[in-house]
Amino acid sequence: MNRTKRAYLQANRRCDTGSMRGSDTTNHPPSDHESNLSVSSAPVGDSGEGGVCNEVDIDTPSLEQSQRARATTVRNEDEGDIENEEQNGVEIVTAAFGQSRGNGQVPFYSGSQTGPAYTLDICSPEKPLSTHFLIPSRGRSPLSSADRSYLEAKGVFTLPKTKSCESLLRAYLHHVHPIMPVIEVDHILEYQRNGRLHEYNILLLWSIFSAAVNFVSPEVYQQEGYKSRKEMKASMYSRAKCMYTISEETDKIVLIQSSLLMGFWISERDEYLQPWYWTGTAINLCQMLGLHRNPDSSKFNCVVTDRQRCLWRRLWWSSFYRDCWLGMSFGRPLRINLVDCDVPTPIAADLLIDVLGIPESTSAGFLPNDLPRLASYWVTLVELSKQLGAVIAMNYQPQRPKPTVQQFESVESEILKCTLPGQYDSGMTNLARFHSFHVHLHYQALLICLYRPYGSKSPAGLDAAEQEDWQRRMRLKASNAASETNDIFNALAEDGLLIFAGPMTPSLLAAAMQTHMHCYKSADSLTKRLTLHKLEMCMLIMEELQKIYTVASLYRGIFLKALQQICPTYQPMISATDQTANSTLESNSNNINHVTGEAAPNQAAAGIFHTTNNSTFPVNASENETGFLGDFMGSLFDETSIFSFGDLWNVM
């Protein structure tokens, strides 16, 4: 019995291996929205021989007759639509009472007691009804020729080479799935194993590829004709977005999965807020399907399989995770209020249920061999996200009442109770080590988010004589969390693990950098120099990350300009190091073994921390980095953001 299956059986208490209609759906084209209604009438008074006729020909319908006929046609069609619409309501009630037995059914959520659920409960006062059930799905018509031609021109129906597809899928399952477990792994691997990947849902496939490009070796994008990962990523995202827009996919599970994965894309368009948009779309769809509610809240719901329960939990909590951390990064309000939710917290078995039946040969070729460990890390990330939601609600909501000391201490106590993974456990692969460090980075960002506001203010009920000491301790705690973040990134660089960094990593570094800048403004001369050294290290790390992630370039430009503001005499210099001798994320990705998650450790660190006597800050201070801040700065000045640059500018 392999390790994954053994870990699943130990952790799980209920999971069923029944199949579910979901992400393996073969793509079907959308309908052509052209009206078939065409009504015409002959002109009155035309004699047919060029003369004027004063009487209406008996074979030619009068205007009144034509209008009457047209009205009759429209009325008949309206009546047909009304009957179909009523039938939809009948089907909902039939399904709610468990009398529907049709095939091709899709999930439906009847809502809370202010919606249709109340009507259904009136009809069944003695027997509580489930709010989650299945209703007949609606078929789709084929693509129009124009839509198909457009999608073909965009390359939507042309997949990468077979080897490239394998590399992309392997990279996805090693680097994306452990932190965003939104697909059913056994389904896509079955298509891959049987050589039928082109029959997998094409929208979801391009979404998967767009998220995986960050982690493939340069040979992959070069073989596909691209100059960089960023170029290949833009192409993959463009195809996924085209398919999302034009295909009008009706499977909401697929739409949720694709939206979450497309939320990894970020560019100058839309002020760098595409992740916020796509995550919001996924959350809306989750709430439409009732994934925020426990399908077994009133009674055990036999309609929902255990496999569905696990997938729904993964989708909901992945959406919640992104909502919290993007809200923190962009200074936007959280869309999800856990008071409205009763879906159970996920367990590691929820992530492992769909890998149990995968053949050993396939599993060894595509899945990390320590997936059970990575699954437990994901559960910890969800718990940290719940704590972050509580911190944002307490500290950053504009209409919030001032928290009391007791409220603050209660939230702090819950955070400090969180159990974090070991960073140096024996037998860990490099991939597992990175993900362990990644959890710790989230934890330190959470602490910064908790303590930072209280460096200059106090909670309600605190004695005036204690306020100055309170604020000093809060500043020290926030500064310590920022320093811990530096230590983690230093370890990642020294061990060559930065090549595993994901799209969310730069935001976790930015939290520490903002705290360092606050410390620099209020420190003595020696502390200023030490703090500046920490900032320089962070800028070096951000320089490496920007080679793959646009958001890292954005943050680097912001902090470069901010450094010039708070330290006018500081002059960053270009490193004298031979650039061809420096290792970079691009070249080091050649050393990633995507099967085992191993890397060549020391090469990346050597390139990042090579210094000269003049400067340890090899900044290429181009106008692109300092001048493209644009409207995105508005979000960073928002007081609800952990990166409240508005506060920073006020002390400059």
Foldseek 3Di string as FASTA:
>chain_A
DAPLLVLLVVFDDAADLDDDPFQQAFAFFAADPDDPDDADFDDFQDPVPPDGDPDGDPVGDDPVRSVVVSVVVVVVVVVVVVVVVVVQVVQVLCFQVVNDDDPQWAKAFQDDCVGCLVVSCVVPVPDRTFRITIGHDDDGDHDDPVLVVVLVVLVLLPDADLVLLLQLLLQLQLFPCLQQVQDQVLSCLVCNVVVNNSRGHSLLSLLSSLQRLLQGAPVSVVVVPDPASVVVSVSSLVSNVSCVPRRVDPRLSSLLNSLCSSLQDFDPPPLRCSVVVSLVVNQVSLVRSPLQEASQPPHDDPNAHSLNLLNSLSSNLSSLLSQLLVCQLLVHDRPDDNVVGDRDQDDLSSSSSSVNPPDPVSCLSRHASVSSLSSRLNSLSSQLSVLSNLLLQQPFDPPHDFAAPVSLVVSVVSLVPRDADDLDDPPDALSSNVSSLVSLLSSLLSLLSSLVVLLPPDGPPDDPVCSNVSNVVSLVSNLVSLVVNLVSVLVCQQQVNLLSDRSSVLSSNLLSLLSLLVCLLPDDDVSVVVSVVSNLLSLLSLVQVVSRYVVSLQSSLVVVVLCCVSPVVDDAAAFPDDPVQADGSNNQSVQQPSSHRHGRTRRRNCRSQDHDPVDSRRDPNDCVSNPSNPPSVVSLCNSSHSNNCVVSVVSD
